[in-house]
Every structure is written in C-alpha cells, then in structure tokens.
C-alpha cells in the first residue's frame, strides 16, 4: 500500500498557502510513489508538521524553522522510495 503524506498546519498563522505549495511539490515529485497528500488544519496554534503514515518527518517547532523544498523531498524520498534519484536536488 502506498504511503499517505499529511501536512498539518496552523490556519490562524496563515500557513495554508505554504502547505498547498509543499503538497504540490511533493505530488509532482512522488506522483507514482504516494497515495496522496492531505492538508489538515490544526487546532493547535503554530503547528506545522509533515508526516508519512502518521510518523512525523518534519516538525517546525522542533526544528525552529520551515523545511526547504529540497530538504523535504529528500526526507520523503528516503522513506517512500530510497532508491529514487531526485536529479538536481541530489547533486550540487
């Protein structure tokens, strides 16, 4: 069964557009590898957590920042398709 990515975000902080952008990037890159990306408004202020099948892969509060897209794609790739080459994202 393909993994499901969830982006839980704080709607009061105005992070819906950021979440949608990240979802678009992940779906574009991993269209064959994932079941989908779910955007989930949080009831807890300041929340921005990206998880795969319920397991957190990035938490803004823990990291004290948002993920860069390249970084996020690598984190997701390492879980959903470790052998996948991300092209320019993998190479400097």
C-alpha atoms as a PDB file:
ATOM      1  CA  UNK A   1       0.000   0.000   0.000  1.00  0.00           C
ATOM      2  CA  UNK A   2       1.318   3.427  -0.932  1.00  0.00           C
ATOM      3  CA  UNK A   3       2.125   5.851   1.900  1.00  0.00           C
ATOM      4  CA  UNK A   4      -0.026   8.892   2.681  1.00  0.00           C
ATOM      5  CA  UNK A   5       1.660  12.209   3.456  1.00  0.00           C
ATOM      6  CA  UNK A   6      -0.098  14.601   5.830  1.00  0.00           C
ATOM      7  CA  UNK A   7       0.724  18.271   6.248  1.00  0.00           C
ATOM      8  CA  UNK A   8      -0.810  19.587   9.461  1.00  0.00           C
ATOM      9  CA  UNK A   9      -0.700  23.373   9.553  1.00  0.00           C
ATOM     10  CA  UNK A  10      -1.940  26.289  11.636  1.00  0.00           C
ATOM     11  CA  UNK A  11      -4.697  28.109   9.728  1.00  0.00           C
ATOM     12  CA  UNK A  12      -4.584  31.043  12.177  1.00  0.00           C
ATOM     13  CA  UNK A  13      -0.922  31.592  11.251  1.00  0.00           C
ATOM     14  CA  UNK A  14      -1.832  31.804   7.569  1.00  0.00           C
ATOM     15  CA  UNK A  15       0.127  28.721   6.534  1.00  0.00           C
ATOM     16  CA  UNK A  16      -2.435  27.208   4.146  1.00  0.00           C
ATOM     17  CA  UNK A  17      -0.696  28.528   1.012  1.00  0.00           C
ATOM     18  CA  UNK A  18       2.696  27.274   2.233  1.00  0.00           C
ATOM     19  CA  UNK A  19       1.131  23.870   2.915  1.00  0.00           C
ATOM     20  CA  UNK A  20      -0.539  23.758  -0.501  1.00  0.00           C
ATOM     21  CA  UNK A  21       2.727  24.683  -2.230  1.00  0.00           C
ATOM     22  CA  UNK A  22       4.602  21.919  -0.419  1.00  0.00           C
ATOM     23  CA  UNK A  23       1.816  19.438  -1.216  1.00  0.00           C
ATOM     24  CA  UNK A  24       2.027  20.388  -4.906  1.00  0.00           C
ATOM     25  CA  UNK A  25       5.797  19.899  -4.942  1.00  0.00           C
ATOM     26  CA  UNK A  26       5.528  16.509  -3.231  1.00  0.00           C
ATOM     27  CA  UNK A  27       2.748  15.309  -5.531  1.00  0.00           C
ATOM     28  CA  UNK A  28       4.685  16.418  -8.598  1.00  0.00           C
ATOM     29  CA  UNK A  29       7.830  14.592  -7.486  1.00  0.00           C
ATOM     30  CA  UNK A  30       6.234  11.485  -5.939  1.00  0.00           C
ATOM     31  CA  UNK A  31       3.081  11.039  -8.049  1.00  0.00           C
ATOM     32  CA  UNK A  32       3.732   7.302  -8.554  1.00  0.00           C
ATOM     33  CA  UNK A  33       5.133   6.597  -5.076  1.00  0.00           C
ATOM     34  CA  UNK A  34       2.475   8.008  -2.730  1.00  0.00           C
ATOM     35  CA  UNK A  35      -1.257   7.578  -2.241  1.00  0.00           C
ATOM     36  CA  UNK A  36      -1.661  11.323  -1.808  1.00  0.00           C
ATOM     37  CA  UNK A  37      -1.020  14.392   0.322  1.00  0.00           C
ATOM     38  CA  UNK A  38      -3.593  15.513   2.861  1.00  0.00           C
ATOM     39  CA  UNK A  39      -3.758  19.071   4.180  1.00  0.00           C
ATOM     40  CA  UNK A  40      -5.058  19.114   7.734  1.00  0.00           C
ATOM     41  CA  UNK A  41      -5.792  22.337   9.644  1.00  0.00           C
ATOM     42  CA  UNK A  42      -4.535  22.072  13.219  1.00  0.00           C
ATOM     43  CA  UNK A  43      -6.401  23.152  16.297  1.00  0.00           C
ATOM     44  CA  UNK A  44      -3.068  23.936  17.970  1.00  0.00           C
ATOM     45  CA  UNK A  45      -1.510  27.297  17.149  1.00  0.00           C
ATOM     46  CA  UNK A  46       1.889  27.334  15.464  1.00  0.00           C
ATOM     47  CA  UNK A  47       1.654  23.758  14.226  1.00  0.00           C
ATOM     48  CA  UNK A  48       3.388  22.736  11.024  1.00  0.00           C
ATOM     49  CA  UNK A  49       4.086  19.003  10.943  1.00  0.00           C
ATOM     50  CA  UNK A  50       4.717  16.816   7.922  1.00  0.00           C
ATOM     51  CA  UNK A  51       4.162  13.116   8.490  1.00  0.00           C
ATOM     52  CA  UNK A  52       4.065   9.926   6.462  1.00  0.00           C
ATOM     53  CA  UNK A  53       1.541   7.314   7.595  1.00  0.00           C
ATOM     54  CA  UNK A  54       1.291   9.090  10.948  1.00  0.00           C
ATOM     55  CA  UNK A  55       5.054   9.246  11.606  1.00  0.00           C
ATOM     56  CA  UNK A  56       6.471  12.769  11.799  1.00  0.00           C
ATOM     57  CA  UNK A  57       9.281  13.533   9.348  1.00  0.00           C
ATOM     58  CA  UNK A  58       9.433  17.299   9.968  1.00  0.00           C
ATOM     59  CA  UNK A  59       8.122  19.419  12.848  1.00  0.00           C
ATOM     60  CA  UNK A  60       8.538  23.187  12.620  1.00  0.00           C
ATOM     61  CA  UNK A  61       8.521  23.602  16.409  1.00  0.00           C
ATOM     62  CA  UNK A  62      11.330  21.058  16.879  1.00  0.00           C
ATOM     63  CA  UNK A  63      13.437  22.437  14.029  1.00  0.00           C
ATOM     64  CA  UNK A  64      12.608  26.122  14.740  1.00  0.00           C
ATOM     65  CA  UNK A  65      12.068  26.687  11.006  1.00  0.00           C
ATOM     66  CA  UNK A  66      10.195  25.507   7.933  1.00  0.00           C
ATOM     67  CA  UNK A  67      11.748  22.880   5.665  1.00  0.00           C
ATOM     68  CA  UNK A  68      13.371  23.850   2.394  1.00  0.00           C
ATOM     69  CA  UNK A  69      11.695  22.071  -0.539  1.00  0.00           C
ATOM     70  CA  UNK A  70      14.882  20.187  -1.481  1.00  0.00           C
ATOM     71  CA  UNK A  71      15.295  19.054   2.122  1.00  0.00           C
ATOM     72  CA  UNK A  72      11.663  17.953   2.342  1.00  0.00           C
ATOM     73  CA  UNK A  73      11.865  15.979  -0.896  1.00  0.00           C
ATOM     74  CA  UNK A  74      14.958  14.151   0.388  1.00  0.00           C
ATOM     75  CA  UNK A  75      13.242  13.331   3.703  1.00  0.00           C
ATOM     76  CA  UNK A  76      10.179  11.972   1.905  1.00  0.00           C
ATOM     77  CA  UNK A  77      12.225  10.121  -0.718  1.00  0.00           C
ATOM     78  CA  UNK A  78      14.292   8.377   1.970  1.00  0.00           C
ATOM     79  CA  UNK A  79      11.073   6.862   3.331  1.00  0.00           C
ATOM     80  CA  UNK A  80       8.847   6.264   0.310  1.00  0.00           C
ATOM     81  CA  UNK A  81      11.421   5.393  -2.374  1.00  0.00           C
ATOM     82  CA  UNK A  82      15.043   5.346  -1.103  1.00  0.00           C
ATOM     83  CA  UNK A  83      16.433   4.279  -4.497  1.00  0.00           C
ATOM     84  CA  UNK A  84      14.817   7.201  -6.348  1.00  0.00           C
ATOM     85  CA  UNK A  85      17.166   9.775  -7.902  1.00  0.00           C
ATOM     86  CA  UNK A  86      15.941  13.317  -7.320  1.00  0.00           C
ATOM     87  CA  UNK A  87      18.101  14.700 -10.102  1.00  0.00           C
ATOM     88  CA  UNK A  88      19.452  18.197  -9.422  1.00  0.00           C
ATOM     89  CA  UNK A  89      18.116  18.048  -5.855  1.00  0.00           C
ATOM     90  CA  UNK A  90      20.579  15.237  -5.100  1.00  0.00           C
ATOM     91  CA  UNK A  91      23.504  16.870  -6.889  1.00  0.00           C
ATOM     92  CA  UNK A  92      25.281  20.126  -6.182  1.00  0.00           C
END
